[in-house]
Amino acid sequence: MTMPRQTRRLVLACAGLLLASGPLRAADTAPPAGRVMDLSYEVYLGGMHIFSMDVDMALRPDGYSVAAAGGTRGMIGWIYKWDVKVAAEGQDQAGDIRPLVYQSALDWQKNPRVTRLAFTGNGAYDVQRTPPPEPDPDDDNSLPSQLPENTVDPLSLAVVATRALAANGQCAQTLPVFDGKRRYDLTIKDLGEATIAPNRYSIYHGPATRCGFTMERISGFNKKYSRSRQWDADSDAPPTIWMAQVHEGVPPVPVRYEGAIALGNMVVHLTKAEVRREQAAIAP
């Protein structure tokens, strides 16, 4: 049994998609400052448990922070060790979301790699990758010379993407995204309402809003993967996230994800959703 690089990237992309409709809202629809939502998700591929992920999200009057950590589980976890930690911080300027820093730490089979992306303003950015990436003829290693206006990282996407859902009950919008290597445009489409039936995998059942995703790859992808139709608009089974309110007084959160890949159907279930108050910093 193998866990190819494409599957690892899809699991990580899946995490970003879950956060893309995450529980944070901007501007006047924001929850009270200092509130944090703790979420947990379990990832299944072809019915096999392969990955677990915990997410913490906090929104303050002038900014936000998002952090996620996960790793392989089950039989895949016994054979292949893959740990993921990602975090982002940014400013909220009267509803104008400005990402500042995004960092990902990936450890595949005891080979750690860290990427730190700083948004320096006016489309400029700085990327530090440790260790420096080795040349790979199968990868598009080009980096954008300039980022489009309103570009976000995969975690700051969580803050921006809920604005449409909070404003009009629909999730439709297109957002430019950059993670320090891959540049893409993510289009979110509203697929209408649905009902999630009770099941033993998830803590949630009931009404939900379905949001579909398509991706236009710009640069930084594996060349073979870039030609895949896995995320294209004409796919028979585009990736879909179900959004629902699981706690009174907080915005909807992702409660389910489903999308087909070459190795089978990938499904993500919400297994924990708790709200707590952020502890104030202690003055020195």
C-alpha atoms as a PDB file:
ATOM      1  CA  MET A   1       0.000   0.000   0.000  1.00  0.00           C
ATOM      2  CA  THR A   2       1.312   3.416  -0.911  1.00  0.00           C
ATOM      3  CA  MET A   3       0.400   6.982  -0.143  1.00  0.00           C
ATOM      4  CA  PRO A   4       1.572   8.930  -3.196  1.00  0.00           C
ATOM      5  CA  ARG A   5       2.423  12.614  -3.156  1.00  0.00           C
ATOM      6  CA  GLN A   6      -0.807  13.453  -4.996  1.00  0.00           C
ATOM      7  CA  THR A   7      -2.867  11.935  -2.165  1.00  0.00           C
ATOM      8  CA  ARG A   8      -0.872  13.826   0.468  1.00  0.00           C
ATOM      9  CA  ARG A   9      -1.451  17.078  -1.410  1.00  0.00           C
ATOM     10  CA  LEU A  10      -5.142  16.327  -1.729  1.00  0.00           C
ATOM     11  CA  VAL A  11      -5.418  15.672   2.014  1.00  0.00           C
ATOM     12  CA  LEU A  12      -3.709  19.002   2.693  1.00  0.00           C
ATOM     13  CA  ALA A  13      -5.899  20.725   0.115  1.00  0.00           C
ATOM     14  CA  CYS A  14      -8.899  19.122   1.757  1.00  0.00           C
ATOM     15  CA  ALA A  15      -7.859  20.713   5.051  1.00  0.00           C
ATOM     16  CA  GLY A  16      -7.664  24.085   3.310  1.00  0.00           C
ATOM     17  CA  LEU A  17     -11.089  23.578   1.777  1.00  0.00           C
ATOM     18  CA  LEU A  18     -12.585  22.739   5.147  1.00  0.00           C
ATOM     19  CA  LEU A  19     -11.161  25.958   6.493  1.00  0.00           C
ATOM     20  CA  ALA A  20     -12.304  27.832   3.408  1.00  0.00           C
ATOM     21  CA  SER A  21     -15.808  27.788   4.807  1.00  0.00           C
ATOM     22  CA  GLY A  22     -14.730  27.965   8.409  1.00  0.00           C
ATOM     23  CA  PRO A  23     -16.486  29.534  11.389  1.00  0.00           C
ATOM     24  CA  LEU A  24     -15.009  33.010  11.301  1.00  0.00           C
ATOM     25  CA  ARG A  25     -16.839  36.038   9.979  1.00  0.00           C
ATOM     26  CA  ALA A  26     -15.492  39.478   9.228  1.00  0.00           C
ATOM     27  CA  ALA A  27     -16.638  42.995  10.086  1.00  0.00           C
ATOM     28  CA  ASP A  28     -20.095  43.448  11.601  1.00  0.00           C
ATOM     29  CA  THR A  29     -20.955  39.732  11.457  1.00  0.00           C
ATOM     30  CA  ALA A  30     -18.042  38.685  13.680  1.00  0.00           C
ATOM     31  CA  PRO A  31     -18.645  36.697  16.872  1.00  0.00           C
ATOM     32  CA  PRO A  32     -17.617  38.353  20.171  1.00  0.00           C
ATOM     33  CA  ALA A  33     -13.903  39.101  20.373  1.00  0.00           C
ATOM     34  CA  GLY A  34     -11.810  36.537  22.174  1.00  0.00           C
ATOM     35  CA  ARG A  35     -13.948  33.517  21.256  1.00  0.00           C
ATOM     36  CA  VAL A  36     -12.213  30.451  19.881  1.00  0.00           C
ATOM     37  CA  MET A  37     -13.777  27.464  18.160  1.00  0.00           C
ATOM     38  CA  ASP A  38     -12.046  24.089  18.518  1.00  0.00           C
ATOM     39  CA  LEU A  39     -12.885  21.666  15.713  1.00  0.00           C
ATOM     40  CA  SER A  40     -11.778  18.100  15.012  1.00  0.00           C
ATOM     41  CA  TYR A  41     -12.096  16.168  11.760  1.00  0.00           C
ATOM     42  CA  GLU A  42     -11.455  12.583  10.652  1.00  0.00           C
ATOM     43  CA  VAL A  43     -10.517  11.786   7.037  1.00  0.00           C
ATOM     44  CA  TYR A  44     -11.494   8.535   5.290  1.00  0.00           C
ATOM     45  CA  LEU A  45     -10.355   7.287   1.890  1.00  0.00           C
ATOM     46  CA  GLY A  46     -12.338   4.438   0.380  1.00  0.00           C
ATOM     47  CA  GLY A  47     -13.767   3.751   3.822  1.00  0.00           C
ATOM     48  CA  MET A  48     -10.309   3.568   5.448  1.00  0.00           C
ATOM     49  CA  HIS A  49      -9.392   5.998   8.237  1.00  0.00           C
ATOM     50  CA  ILE A  50      -6.223   7.782   7.058  1.00  0.00           C
ATOM     51  CA  PHE A  51      -5.951  11.197   8.736  1.00  0.00           C
ATOM     52  CA  SER A  52      -7.025  13.273  11.765  1.00  0.00           C
ATOM     53  CA  MET A  53      -7.023  17.055  12.031  1.00  0.00           C
ATOM     54  CA  ASP A  54      -7.625  19.575  14.851  1.00  0.00           C
ATOM     55  CA  VAL A  55      -8.409  23.227  14.111  1.00  0.00           C
ATOM     56  CA  ASP A  56      -8.390  26.301  16.378  1.00  0.00           C
ATOM     57  CA  MET A  57      -9.823  29.578  15.111  1.00  0.00           C
ATOM     58  CA  ALA A  58      -9.924  32.933  16.905  1.00  0.00           C
ATOM     59  CA  LEU A  59     -11.263  36.308  15.807  1.00  0.00           C
ATOM     60  CA  ARG A  60     -10.368  39.563  17.561  1.00  0.00           C
ATOM     61  CA  PRO A  61     -11.562  43.141  16.934  1.00  0.00           C
ATOM     62  CA  ASP A  62      -8.543  43.973  14.765  1.00  0.00           C
ATOM     63  CA  GLY A  63      -7.280  40.595  13.592  1.00  0.00           C
ATOM     64  CA  TYR A  64      -7.532  36.825  13.498  1.00  0.00           C
ATOM     65  CA  SER A  65      -5.503  33.650  13.892  1.00  0.00           C
ATOM     66  CA  VAL A  66      -6.081  30.141  12.561  1.00  0.00           C
ATOM     67  CA  ALA A  67      -4.101  27.001  13.351  1.00  0.00           C
ATOM     68  CA  ALA A  68      -4.506  23.383  12.275  1.00  0.00           C
ATOM     69  CA  ALA A  69      -2.547  20.231  13.104  1.00  0.00           C
ATOM     70  CA  GLY A  70      -3.009  16.701  11.843  1.00  0.00           C
ATOM     71  CA  GLY A  71      -1.382  13.400  11.027  1.00  0.00           C
ATOM     72  CA  THR A  72      -1.878  10.029   9.380  1.00  0.00           C
ATOM     73  CA  ARG A  73      -3.904   7.446  11.269  1.00  0.00           C
ATOM     74  CA  GLY A  74      -4.950   3.807  11.080  1.00  0.00           C
ATOM     75  CA  MET A  75      -3.144   1.383   8.795  1.00  0.00           C
ATOM     76  CA  ILE A  76      -1.768   4.251   6.708  1.00  0.00           C
ATOM     77  CA  GLY A  77      -0.365   5.817   9.882  1.00  0.00           C
ATOM     78  CA  TRP A  78       1.436   2.579  10.783  1.00  0.00           C
ATOM     79  CA  ILE A  79       3.173   2.508   7.410  1.00  0.00           C
ATOM     80  CA  TYR A  80       3.573   6.182   6.538  1.00  0.00           C
ATOM     81  CA  LYS A  81       4.202   8.925   9.070  1.00  0.00           C
ATOM     82  CA  TRP A  82       2.985  12.315   7.894  1.00  0.00           C
ATOM     83  CA  ASP A  83       2.456  15.201  10.316  1.00  0.00           C
ATOM     84  CA  VAL A  84       1.066  18.598   9.304  1.00  0.00           C
ATOM     85  CA  LYS A  85       1.000  21.902  11.193  1.00  0.00           C
ATOM     86  CA  VAL A  86      -0.255  25.087   9.545  1.00  0.00           C
ATOM     87  CA  ALA A  87      -0.975  28.510  11.017  1.00  0.00           C
ATOM     88  CA  ALA A  88      -1.895  31.996   9.829  1.00  0.00           C
ATOM     89  CA  GLU A  89      -2.366  35.469  11.267  1.00  0.00           C
ATOM     90  CA  GLY A  90      -3.773  38.617   9.756  1.00  0.00           C
ATOM     91  CA  GLN A  91      -5.489  41.946  10.242  1.00  0.00           C
ATOM     92  CA  ASP A  92      -9.153  42.825  10.069  1.00  0.00           C
ATOM     93  CA  GLN A  93      -9.372  46.467   9.027  1.00  0.00           C
ATOM     94  CA  ALA A  94     -13.074  47.221   9.276  1.00  0.00           C
ATOM     95  CA  GLY A  95     -13.899  44.046   7.385  1.00  0.00           C
ATOM     96  CA  ASP A  96     -10.958  44.274   4.975  1.00  0.00           C
ATOM     97  CA  ILE A  97      -9.029  41.048   5.645  1.00  0.00           C
ATOM     98  CA  ARG A  98      -5.244  41.411   5.243  1.00  0.00           C
ATOM     99  CA  PRO A  99      -3.164  38.243   5.734  1.00  0.00           C
ATOM    100  CA  LEU A 100       0.234  38.834   7.317  1.00  0.00           C
ATOM    101  CA  VAL A 101       1.941  35.486   7.904  1.00  0.00           C
ATOM    102  CA  TYR A 102       1.273  31.901   6.853  1.00  0.00           C
ATOM    103  CA  GLN A 103       3.449  28.982   7.935  1.00  0.00           C
ATOM    104  CA  SER A 104       3.295  25.278   7.156  1.00  0.00           C
ATOM    105  CA  ALA A 105       5.427  22.563   8.754  1.00  0.00           C
ATOM    106  CA  LEU A 106       5.172  19.200   6.976  1.00  0.00           C
ATOM    107  CA  ASP A 107       6.980  16.096   8.182  1.00  0.00           C
ATOM    108  CA  TRP A 108       6.824  13.191   5.719  1.00  0.00           C
ATOM    109  CA  GLN A 109       8.633  10.067   6.943  1.00  0.00           C
ATOM    110  CA  LYS A 110      10.881  12.108   9.287  1.00  0.00           C
ATOM    111  CA  ASN A 111      11.782  14.585   6.540  1.00  0.00           C
ATOM    112  CA  PRO A 112      10.547  17.928   7.905  1.00  0.00           C
ATOM    113  CA  ARG A 113       9.947  20.897   5.625  1.00  0.00           C
ATOM    114  CA  VAL A 114       8.894  24.355   6.756  1.00  0.00           C
ATOM    115  CA  THR A 115       7.510  27.139   4.571  1.00  0.00           C
ATOM    116  CA  ARG A 116       7.041  30.648   5.959  1.00  0.00           C
ATOM    117  CA  LEU A 117       5.170  33.134   3.799  1.00  0.00           C
ATOM    118  CA  ALA A 118       4.988  36.821   4.721  1.00  0.00           C
ATOM    119  CA  PHE A 119       2.662  39.185   2.870  1.00  0.00           C
ATOM    120  CA  THR A 120       4.540  42.482   2.692  1.00  0.00           C
ATOM    121  CA  GLY A 121       1.883  44.617   0.963  1.00  0.00           C
ATOM    122  CA  ASN A 122       0.961  45.809  -2.530  1.00  0.00           C
ATOM    123  CA  GLY A 123       1.175  42.308  -3.993  1.00  0.00           C
ATOM    124  CA  ALA A 124       4.688  41.693  -2.669  1.00  0.00           C
ATOM    125  CA  TYR A 125       5.653  38.757  -0.472  1.00  0.00           C
ATOM    126  CA  ASP A 126       8.603  36.920   1.054  1.00  0.00           C
ATOM    127  CA  VAL A 127       8.986  33.128   1.159  1.00  0.00           C
ATOM    128  CA  GLN A 128      11.455  31.156   3.269  1.00  0.00           C
ATOM    129  CA  ARG A 129      11.610  27.377   2.770  1.00  0.00           C
ATOM    130  CA  THR A 130      13.689  25.127   5.068  1.00  0.00           C
ATOM    131  CA  PRO A 131      15.449  23.148   3.791  1.00  0.00           C
ATOM    132  CA  PRO A 132      15.622  24.806   0.364  1.00  0.00           C
ATOM    133  CA  PRO A 133      13.629  22.733  -2.157  1.00  0.00           C
ATOM    134  CA  GLU A 134      15.541  20.392  -4.421  1.00  0.00           C
ATOM    135  CA  PRO A 135      14.946  20.794  -8.178  1.00  0.00           C
ATOM    136  CA  ASP A 136      12.186  18.486  -9.432  1.00  0.00           C
ATOM    137  CA  PRO A 137      11.602  18.225 -13.199  1.00  0.00           C
ATOM    138  CA  ASP A 138       8.024  17.091 -12.528  1.00  0.00           C
ATOM    139  CA  ASP A 139       7.190  20.300 -10.654  1.00  0.00           C
ATOM    140  CA  ASP A 140       6.448  23.790 -11.869  1.00  0.00           C
ATOM    141  CA  ASN A 141       8.881  25.622  -9.603  1.00  0.00           C
ATOM    142  CA  SER A 142       8.046  29.131 -10.791  1.00  0.00           C
ATOM    143  CA  LEU A 143       6.836  31.701  -8.266  1.00  0.00           C
ATOM    144  CA  PRO A 144       4.556  34.642  -9.098  1.00  0.00           C
ATOM    145  CA  SER A 145       6.349  37.953  -9.502  1.00  0.00           C
ATOM    146  CA  GLN A 146       3.341  39.759  -8.057  1.00  0.00           C
ATOM    147  CA  LEU A 147       0.237  38.597  -6.230  1.00  0.00           C
ATOM    148  CA  PRO A 148      -3.234  39.768  -7.296  1.00  0.00           C
ATOM    149  CA  GLU A 149      -5.086  42.148  -5.052  1.00  0.00           C
ATOM    150  CA  ASN A 150      -6.858  40.409  -2.154  1.00  0.00           C
ATOM    151  CA  THR A 151      -4.747  37.236  -2.398  1.00  0.00           C
ATOM    152  CA  VAL A 152      -5.045  35.099   0.730  1.00  0.00           C
ATOM    153  CA  ASP A 153      -3.303  32.041   2.129  1.00  0.00           C
ATOM    154  CA  PRO A 154      -5.282  28.786   2.572  1.00  0.00           C
ATOM    155  CA  LEU A 155      -6.112  29.560   6.216  1.00  0.00           C
ATOM    156  CA  SER A 156      -6.958  33.247   5.826  1.00  0.00           C
ATOM    157  CA  LEU A 157      -9.327  32.004   3.168  1.00  0.00           C
ATOM    158  CA  ALA A 158     -11.457  30.789   6.091  1.00  0.00           C
ATOM    159  CA  VAL A 159     -12.037  34.363   7.242  1.00  0.00           C
ATOM    160  CA  VAL A 160     -12.880  35.738   3.818  1.00  0.00           C
ATOM    161  CA  ALA A 161     -14.957  32.893   2.395  1.00  0.00           C
ATOM    162  CA  THR A 162     -17.700  33.045   5.024  1.00  0.00           C
ATOM    163  CA  ARG A 163     -18.510  36.664   4.222  1.00  0.00           C
ATOM    164  CA  ALA A 164     -20.841  35.723   1.372  1.00  0.00           C
ATOM    165  CA  LEU A 165     -22.475  32.975   3.413  1.00  0.00           C
ATOM    166  CA  ALA A 166     -23.003  35.314   6.351  1.00  0.00           C
ATOM    167  CA  ALA A 167     -24.304  38.128   4.136  1.00  0.00           C
ATOM    168  CA  ASN A 168     -26.802  36.297   1.928  1.00  0.00           C
ATOM    169  CA  GLY A 169     -26.858  32.624   2.913  1.00  0.00           C
ATOM    170  CA  GLN A 170     -24.832  31.589  -0.141  1.00  0.00           C
ATOM    171  CA  CYS A 171     -21.162  30.704  -0.466  1.00  0.00           C
ATOM    172  CA  ALA A 172     -20.526  31.727  -4.099  1.00  0.00           C
ATOM    173  CA  GLN A 173     -17.315  33.698  -4.796  1.00  0.00           C
ATOM    174  CA  THR A 174     -13.852  33.384  -6.391  1.00  0.00           C
ATOM    175  CA  LEU A 175     -10.659  34.007  -4.399  1.00  0.00           C
ATOM    176  CA  PRO A 176      -6.946  34.139  -5.378  1.00  0.00           C
ATOM    177  CA  VAL A 177      -4.863  31.898  -3.089  1.00  0.00           C
ATOM    178  CA  PHE A 178      -1.102  31.472  -2.526  1.00  0.00           C
ATOM    179  CA  ASP A 179       0.617  29.142  -0.036  1.00  0.00           C
ATOM    180  CA  GLY A 180       4.256  30.009  -0.726  1.00  0.00           C
ATOM    181  CA  LYS A 181       4.507  27.507  -3.587  1.00  0.00           C
ATOM    182  CA  ARG A 182       1.172  27.009  -5.324  1.00  0.00           C
ATOM    183  CA  ARG A 183      -0.875  29.876  -6.803  1.00  0.00           C
ATOM    184  CA  TYR A 184      -4.456  29.141  -7.733  1.00  0.00           C
ATOM    185  CA  ASP A 185      -7.899  30.670  -7.962  1.00  0.00           C
ATOM    186  CA  LEU A 186     -10.561  28.899  -5.917  1.00  0.00           C
ATOM    187  CA  THR A 187     -14.156  29.288  -7.056  1.00  0.00           C
ATOM    188  CA  ILE A 188     -16.833  28.443  -4.505  1.00  0.00           C
ATOM    189  CA  LYS A 189     -20.305  27.651  -5.821  1.00  0.00           C
ATOM    190  CA  ASP A 190     -23.558  27.414  -3.921  1.00  0.00           C
ATOM    191  CA  LEU A 191     -25.156  23.979  -4.428  1.00  0.00           C
ATOM    192  CA  GLY A 192     -28.270  24.514  -2.335  1.00  0.00           C
ATOM    193  CA  GLU A 193     -29.621  23.000   0.857  1.00  0.00           C
ATOM    194  CA  ALA A 194     -29.370  19.382   1.982  1.00  0.00           C
ATOM    195  CA  THR A 195     -29.987  17.206   5.038  1.00  0.00           C
ATOM    196  CA  ILE A 196     -27.250  15.102   6.627  1.00  0.00           C
ATOM    197  CA  ALA A 197     -28.616  11.845   8.018  1.00  0.00           C
ATOM    198  CA  PRO A 198     -27.430  10.545  11.392  1.00  0.00           C
ATOM    199  CA  ASN A 199     -24.288   8.414  11.171  1.00  0.00           C
ATOM    200  CA  ARG A 200     -21.742   6.946  13.567  1.00  0.00           C
ATOM    201  CA  TYR A 201     -18.846   8.975  12.157  1.00  0.00           C
ATOM    202  CA  SER A 202     -20.015  12.548  12.776  1.00  0.00           C
ATOM    203  CA  ILE A 203     -21.381  14.525  15.700  1.00  0.00           C
ATOM    204  CA  TYR A 204     -23.748  16.409  13.396  1.00  0.00           C
ATOM    205  CA  HIS A 205     -26.931  15.527  11.540  1.00  0.00           C
ATOM    206  CA  GLY A 206     -29.565  17.862  10.193  1.00  0.00           C
ATOM    207  CA  PRO A 207     -29.916  20.695   7.634  1.00  0.00           C
ATOM    208  CA  ALA A 208     -26.812  22.025   5.863  1.00  0.00           C
ATOM    209  CA  THR A 209     -25.731  24.280   2.987  1.00  0.00           C
ATOM    210  CA  ARG A 210     -23.724  22.575   0.238  1.00  0.00           C
ATOM    211  CA  CYS A 211     -20.741  24.469  -1.256  1.00  0.00           C
ATOM    212  CA  GLY A 212     -18.860  23.121  -4.290  1.00  0.00           C
ATOM    213  CA  PHE A 213     -15.289  23.990  -5.269  1.00  0.00           C
ATOM    214  CA  THR A 214     -13.359  24.288  -8.490  1.00  0.00           C
ATOM    215  CA  MET A 215      -9.725  25.277  -8.848  1.00  0.00           C
ATOM    216  CA  GLU A 216      -7.868  27.099 -11.604  1.00  0.00           C
ATOM    217  CA  ARG A 217      -4.187  26.218 -11.197  1.00  0.00           C
ATOM    218  CA  ILE A 218      -1.857  29.121 -11.947  1.00  0.00           C
ATOM    219  CA  SER A 219       1.639  27.922 -10.929  1.00  0.00           C
ATOM    220  CA  GLY A 220       3.619  25.720  -8.559  1.00  0.00           C
ATOM    221  CA  PHE A 221       1.824  22.407  -9.128  1.00  0.00           C
ATOM    222  CA  ASN A 222       3.149  19.030 -10.189  1.00  0.00           C
ATOM    223  CA  LYS A 223       2.974  19.127 -13.973  1.00  0.00           C
ATOM    224  CA  LYS A 224       1.141  15.808 -14.268  1.00  0.00           C
ATOM    225  CA  TYR A 225      -1.240  16.700 -11.462  1.00  0.00           C
ATOM    226  CA  SER A 226      -1.877  20.095 -13.033  1.00  0.00           C
ATOM    227  CA  ARG A 227      -3.335  18.333 -16.075  1.00  0.00           C
ATOM    228  CA  SER A 228      -5.681  16.277 -13.901  1.00  0.00           C
ATOM    229  CA  ARG A 229      -9.398  17.058 -14.177  1.00  0.00           C
ATOM    230  CA  GLN A 230      -9.894  16.190 -10.521  1.00  0.00           C
ATOM    231  CA  TRP A 231     -10.813  19.747  -9.543  1.00  0.00           C
ATOM    232  CA  ASP A 232     -12.172  21.013 -12.854  1.00  0.00           C
ATOM    233  CA  ALA A 233     -15.588  22.592 -13.239  1.00  0.00           C
ATOM    234  CA  ASP A 234     -16.797  19.799 -15.562  1.00  0.00           C
ATOM    235  CA  SER A 235     -15.920  17.032 -13.111  1.00  0.00           C
ATOM    236  CA  ASP A 236     -18.751  14.567 -12.450  1.00  0.00           C
ATOM    237  CA  ALA A 237     -18.111  14.797  -8.694  1.00  0.00           C
ATOM    238  CA  PRO A 238     -16.637  18.179  -7.701  1.00  0.00           C
ATOM    239  CA  PRO A 239     -15.397  18.472  -4.098  1.00  0.00           C
ATOM    240  CA  THR A 240     -18.271  19.482  -1.833  1.00  0.00           C
ATOM    241  CA  ILE A 241     -18.479  20.835   1.713  1.00  0.00           C
ATOM    242  CA  TRP A 242     -21.605  20.790   3.858  1.00  0.00           C
ATOM    243  CA  MET A 243     -21.947  23.835   6.167  1.00  0.00           C
ATOM    244  CA  ALA A 244     -24.157  23.959   9.249  1.00  0.00           C
ATOM    245  CA  GLN A 245     -24.547  25.801  12.537  1.00  0.00           C
ATOM    246  CA  VAL A 246     -23.596  23.426  15.360  1.00  0.00           C
ATOM    247  CA  HIS A 247     -23.652  25.934  18.259  1.00  0.00           C
ATOM    248  CA  GLU A 248     -26.075  28.766  18.910  1.00  0.00           C
ATOM    249  CA  GLY A 249     -24.500  32.190  18.539  1.00  0.00           C
ATOM    250  CA  VAL A 250     -21.637  31.126  16.227  1.00  0.00           C
ATOM    251  CA  PRO A 251     -21.506  31.018  12.414  1.00  0.00           C
ATOM    252  CA  PRO A 252     -21.826  27.799  10.377  1.00  0.00           C
ATOM    253  CA  VAL A 253     -18.868  25.426  10.280  1.00  0.00           C
ATOM    254  CA  PRO A 254     -17.901  22.648   7.837  1.00  0.00           C
ATOM    255  CA  VAL A 255     -19.579  19.439   9.010  1.00  0.00           C
ATOM    256  CA  ARG A 256     -18.748  17.166   6.068  1.00  0.00           C
ATOM    257  CA  TYR A 257     -16.495  17.057   2.998  1.00  0.00           C
ATOM    258  CA  GLU A 258     -16.675  14.632   0.091  1.00  0.00           C
ATOM    259  CA  GLY A 259     -14.684  14.366  -3.141  1.00  0.00           C
ATOM    260  CA  ALA A 260     -13.459  11.638  -5.471  1.00  0.00           C
ATOM    261  CA  ILE A 261      -9.757  11.068  -6.176  1.00  0.00           C
ATOM    262  CA  ALA A 262      -7.908   8.387  -8.139  1.00  0.00           C
ATOM    263  CA  LEU A 263      -7.603   6.081  -5.106  1.00  0.00           C
ATOM    264  CA  GLY A 264     -11.257   6.296  -4.073  1.00  0.00           C
ATOM    265  CA  ASN A 265     -13.795   8.554  -2.439  1.00  0.00           C
ATOM    266  CA  MET A 266     -12.459  10.916   0.236  1.00  0.00           C
ATOM    267  CA  VAL A 267     -14.877  11.810   3.035  1.00  0.00           C
ATOM    268  CA  VAL A 268     -14.228  14.062   6.044  1.00  0.00           C
ATOM    269  CA  HIS A 269     -16.458  14.057   9.140  1.00  0.00           C
ATOM    270  CA  LEU A 270     -16.717  16.612  11.950  1.00  0.00           C
ATOM    271  CA  THR A 271     -16.091  14.839  15.276  1.00  0.00           C
ATOM    272  CA  LYS A 272     -15.806  17.781  17.706  1.00  0.00           C
ATOM    273  CA  ALA A 273     -17.003  21.389  17.824  1.00  0.00           C
ATOM    274  CA  GLU A 274     -16.481  23.376  21.027  1.00  0.00           C
ATOM    275  CA  VAL A 275     -16.495  27.110  21.751  1.00  0.00           C
ATOM    276  CA  ARG A 276     -14.335  28.721  24.422  1.00  0.00           C
ATOM    277  CA  ARG A 277     -13.166  32.182  25.390  1.00  0.00           C
ATOM    278  CA  GLU A 278      -9.642  33.141  24.445  1.00  0.00           C
ATOM    279  CA  GLN A 279      -7.499  33.725  27.495  1.00  0.00           C
ATOM    280  CA  ALA A 280      -6.120  37.241  27.840  1.00  0.00           C
ATOM    281  CA  ALA A 281      -2.359  37.626  27.692  1.00  0.00           C
ATOM    282  CA  ILE A 282      -0.664  38.028  31.059  1.00  0.00           C
ATOM    283  CA  ALA A 283       1.343  41.238  31.333  1.00  0.00           C
ATOM    284  CA  PRO A 284       5.034  40.683  32.154  1.00  0.00           C
END
